[in-house]
């Protein structure tokens, strides 16, 4: 299957431009204690039909990777309100809790298998 996409240059192109701010918004909900990590991820799975919630996905990708993407965008585009660095992300990265690759982030990990939320 082949489809040709035509779009303007934007940070992260289409997928990451939508996906990363979505994950950051989930983290801001954690910062504000609006909902638990589990409730955010399950709500997105059931309500939006995604196979993995935004916090588990961030852990899977690597919280350091998510941090590097978001911090680069925040620095380059300081007036874009969608580009933020949630406190919980900064704290986890500074503590060395990078998600799947270190065994702990928003979830405990056993290799590629996520366990319970931290």
C-alpha atoms as a PDB file:
ATOM      1  CA  UNK A   1       0.000   0.000   0.000  1.00  0.00           C
ATOM      2  CA  UNK A   2       1.457   3.346  -0.999  1.00  0.00           C
ATOM      3  CA  UNK A   3       0.223   6.797  -0.118  1.00  0.00           C
ATOM      4  CA  UNK A   4       1.950  10.054  -0.900  1.00  0.00           C
ATOM      5  CA  UNK A   5       1.837  12.652   1.873  1.00  0.00           C
ATOM      6  CA  UNK A   6       2.226  16.331   1.118  1.00  0.00           C
ATOM      7  CA  UNK A   7       2.567  18.714   4.046  1.00  0.00           C
ATOM      8  CA  UNK A   8       4.496  21.710   5.276  1.00  0.00           C
ATOM      9  CA  UNK A   9       7.624  21.202   7.302  1.00  0.00           C
ATOM     10  CA  UNK A  10       6.681  21.174  10.977  1.00  0.00           C
ATOM     11  CA  UNK A  11       8.547  19.922  14.070  1.00  0.00           C
ATOM     12  CA  UNK A  12       8.191  16.143  14.149  1.00  0.00           C
ATOM     13  CA  UNK A  13       6.289  16.166  10.857  1.00  0.00           C
ATOM     14  CA  UNK A  14       2.746  14.802  11.250  1.00  0.00           C
ATOM     15  CA  UNK A  15       2.871  11.835  13.624  1.00  0.00           C
ATOM     16  CA  UNK A  16       5.326  13.077  16.236  1.00  0.00           C
ATOM     17  CA  UNK A  17       3.941  16.629  16.046  1.00  0.00           C
ATOM     18  CA  UNK A  18       0.632  15.209  17.317  1.00  0.00           C
ATOM     19  CA  UNK A  19       1.934  12.299  19.405  1.00  0.00           C
ATOM     20  CA  UNK A  20       4.585  13.992  21.568  1.00  0.00           C
ATOM     21  CA  UNK A  21       2.390  16.898  22.762  1.00  0.00           C
ATOM     22  CA  UNK A  22      -0.334  14.318  23.501  1.00  0.00           C
ATOM     23  CA  UNK A  23       2.099  12.429  25.728  1.00  0.00           C
ATOM     24  CA  UNK A  24       3.190  15.682  27.381  1.00  0.00           C
ATOM     25  CA  UNK A  25      -0.455  16.527  28.144  1.00  0.00           C
ATOM     26  CA  UNK A  26      -0.859  13.129  29.823  1.00  0.00           C
ATOM     27  CA  UNK A  27       2.229  13.898  31.919  1.00  0.00           C
ATOM     28  CA  UNK A  28       0.826  17.300  32.865  1.00  0.00           C
ATOM     29  CA  UNK A  29      -2.258  15.468  34.140  1.00  0.00           C
ATOM     30  CA  UNK A  30       0.071  13.400  36.339  1.00  0.00           C
ATOM     31  CA  UNK A  31       1.768  16.611  37.540  1.00  0.00           C
ATOM     32  CA  UNK A  32      -1.605  18.104  38.504  1.00  0.00           C
ATOM     33  CA  UNK A  33      -2.773  14.786  39.987  1.00  0.00           C
ATOM     34  CA  UNK A  34      -5.832  14.904  37.736  1.00  0.00           C
ATOM     35  CA  UNK A  35      -5.710  11.119  37.279  1.00  0.00           C
ATOM     36  CA  UNK A  36      -3.439   8.168  37.932  1.00  0.00           C
ATOM     37  CA  UNK A  37      -0.977   6.820  35.379  1.00  0.00           C
ATOM     38  CA  UNK A  38      -3.109   3.685  35.034  1.00  0.00           C
ATOM     39  CA  UNK A  39      -6.359   5.619  34.596  1.00  0.00           C
ATOM     40  CA  UNK A  40      -4.868   7.918  31.958  1.00  0.00           C
ATOM     41  CA  UNK A  41      -3.508   5.038  29.905  1.00  0.00           C
ATOM     42  CA  UNK A  42      -6.590   2.833  30.191  1.00  0.00           C
ATOM     43  CA  UNK A  43      -8.863   5.790  29.375  1.00  0.00           C
ATOM     44  CA  UNK A  44      -6.917   6.469  26.185  1.00  0.00           C
ATOM     45  CA  UNK A  45      -6.932   2.794  25.223  1.00  0.00           C
ATOM     46  CA  UNK A  46     -10.666   2.401  25.748  1.00  0.00           C
ATOM     47  CA  UNK A  47     -11.765   5.904  24.777  1.00  0.00           C
ATOM     48  CA  UNK A  48      -9.460   6.627  21.851  1.00  0.00           C
ATOM     49  CA  UNK A  49      -8.786   3.078  20.696  1.00  0.00           C
ATOM     50  CA  UNK A  50      -5.004   3.339  20.921  1.00  0.00           C
ATOM     51  CA  UNK A  51      -3.150   0.075  21.599  1.00  0.00           C
ATOM     52  CA  UNK A  52      -0.950   1.650  24.302  1.00  0.00           C
ATOM     53  CA  UNK A  53      -1.640   4.658  26.506  1.00  0.00           C
ATOM     54  CA  UNK A  54       0.557   7.773  26.227  1.00  0.00           C
ATOM     55  CA  UNK A  55       2.502   7.172  29.444  1.00  0.00           C
ATOM     56  CA  UNK A  56       3.255   3.534  28.701  1.00  0.00           C
ATOM     57  CA  UNK A  57       4.211   4.537  25.157  1.00  0.00           C
ATOM     58  CA  UNK A  58       6.549   7.218  26.530  1.00  0.00           C
ATOM     59  CA  UNK A  59       8.174   4.613  28.772  1.00  0.00           C
ATOM     60  CA  UNK A  60       8.484   2.241  25.824  1.00  0.00           C
ATOM     61  CA  UNK A  61      10.112   4.867  23.598  1.00  0.00           C
ATOM     62  CA  UNK A  62      12.309   6.099  26.446  1.00  0.00           C
ATOM     63  CA  UNK A  63      11.698   9.031  28.730  1.00  0.00           C
ATOM     64  CA  UNK A  64      15.092  10.445  27.791  1.00  0.00           C
ATOM     65  CA  UNK A  65      14.057  10.393  24.136  1.00  0.00           C
ATOM     66  CA  UNK A  66      10.743  12.079  24.934  1.00  0.00           C
ATOM     67  CA  UNK A  67      12.611  14.650  27.043  1.00  0.00           C
ATOM     68  CA  UNK A  68      15.110  15.366  24.262  1.00  0.00           C
ATOM     69  CA  UNK A  69      12.374  15.833  21.672  1.00  0.00           C
ATOM     70  CA  UNK A  70      10.245  18.076  23.899  1.00  0.00           C
ATOM     71  CA  UNK A  71      13.135  20.151  25.258  1.00  0.00           C
ATOM     72  CA  UNK A  72      14.445  20.762  21.749  1.00  0.00           C
ATOM     73  CA  UNK A  73      11.025  21.942  20.616  1.00  0.00           C
ATOM     74  CA  UNK A  74      10.570  24.121  23.728  1.00  0.00           C
ATOM     75  CA  UNK A  75      13.935  25.761  23.070  1.00  0.00           C
ATOM     76  CA  UNK A  76      13.402  26.261  19.341  1.00  0.00           C
ATOM     77  CA  UNK A  77       9.712  27.240  19.533  1.00  0.00           C
ATOM     78  CA  UNK A  78       9.253  29.001  22.909  1.00  0.00           C
ATOM     79  CA  UNK A  79       5.946  30.595  21.855  1.00  0.00           C
ATOM     80  CA  UNK A  80       4.283  27.273  20.911  1.00  0.00           C
ATOM     81  CA  UNK A  81       1.981  26.349  23.830  1.00  0.00           C
ATOM     82  CA  UNK A  82       1.841  22.681  22.789  1.00  0.00           C
ATOM     83  CA  UNK A  83       5.558  22.282  23.522  1.00  0.00           C
ATOM     84  CA  UNK A  84       6.085  21.842  27.259  1.00  0.00           C
ATOM     85  CA  UNK A  85       8.322  19.929  29.669  1.00  0.00           C
ATOM     86  CA  UNK A  86       6.204  18.361  32.409  1.00  0.00           C
ATOM     87  CA  UNK A  87       7.748  18.295  35.875  1.00  0.00           C
ATOM     88  CA  UNK A  88       7.292  14.526  36.241  1.00  0.00           C
ATOM     89  CA  UNK A  89       9.234  13.905  33.012  1.00  0.00           C
ATOM     90  CA  UNK A  90      12.126  16.118  34.096  1.00  0.00           C
ATOM     91  CA  UNK A  91      12.234  14.463  37.532  1.00  0.00           C
ATOM     92  CA  UNK A  92      12.218  10.933  36.111  1.00  0.00           C
ATOM     93  CA  UNK A  93      14.957  11.695  33.598  1.00  0.00           C
ATOM     94  CA  UNK A  94      17.100  13.408  36.249  1.00  0.00           C
ATOM     95  CA  UNK A  95      16.659  10.343  38.505  1.00  0.00           C
ATOM     96  CA  UNK A  96      17.726   8.018  35.668  1.00  0.00           C
ATOM     97  CA  UNK A  97      14.278   6.419  35.438  1.00  0.00           C
ATOM     98  CA  UNK A  98      13.997   6.288  31.660  1.00  0.00           C
ATOM     99  CA  UNK A  99      11.241   3.712  31.270  1.00  0.00           C
ATOM    100  CA  UNK A 100      11.681   0.333  29.597  1.00  0.00           C
ATOM    101  CA  UNK A 101      15.431   0.712  29.030  1.00  0.00           C
ATOM    102  CA  UNK A 102      16.160   1.149  32.762  1.00  0.00           C
ATOM    103  CA  UNK A 103      13.309  -0.958  34.139  1.00  0.00           C
ATOM    104  CA  UNK A 104      11.389   1.948  35.638  1.00  0.00           C
ATOM    105  CA  UNK A 105       9.629   5.083  34.459  1.00  0.00           C
ATOM    106  CA  UNK A 106       5.894   5.548  34.783  1.00  0.00           C
ATOM    107  CA  UNK A 107       5.746   1.725  34.991  1.00  0.00           C
ATOM    108  CA  UNK A 108       7.982  -1.028  36.291  1.00  0.00           C
ATOM    109  CA  UNK A 109       9.419  -3.019  33.372  1.00  0.00           C
ATOM    110  CA  UNK A 110      10.735  -6.554  33.056  1.00  0.00           C
ATOM    111  CA  UNK A 111      12.532  -6.410  29.719  1.00  0.00           C
ATOM    112  CA  UNK A 112       9.923  -5.421  27.156  1.00  0.00           C
ATOM    113  CA  UNK A 113       7.014  -6.318  29.441  1.00  0.00           C
ATOM    114  CA  UNK A 114       5.416  -3.504  31.443  1.00  0.00           C
ATOM    115  CA  UNK A 115       4.303  -4.204  34.977  1.00  0.00           C
ATOM    116  CA  UNK A 116       2.362  -2.064  37.398  1.00  0.00           C
ATOM    117  CA  UNK A 117       2.611   1.709  37.480  1.00  0.00           C
ATOM    118  CA  UNK A 118       5.289   3.125  39.759  1.00  0.00           C
END
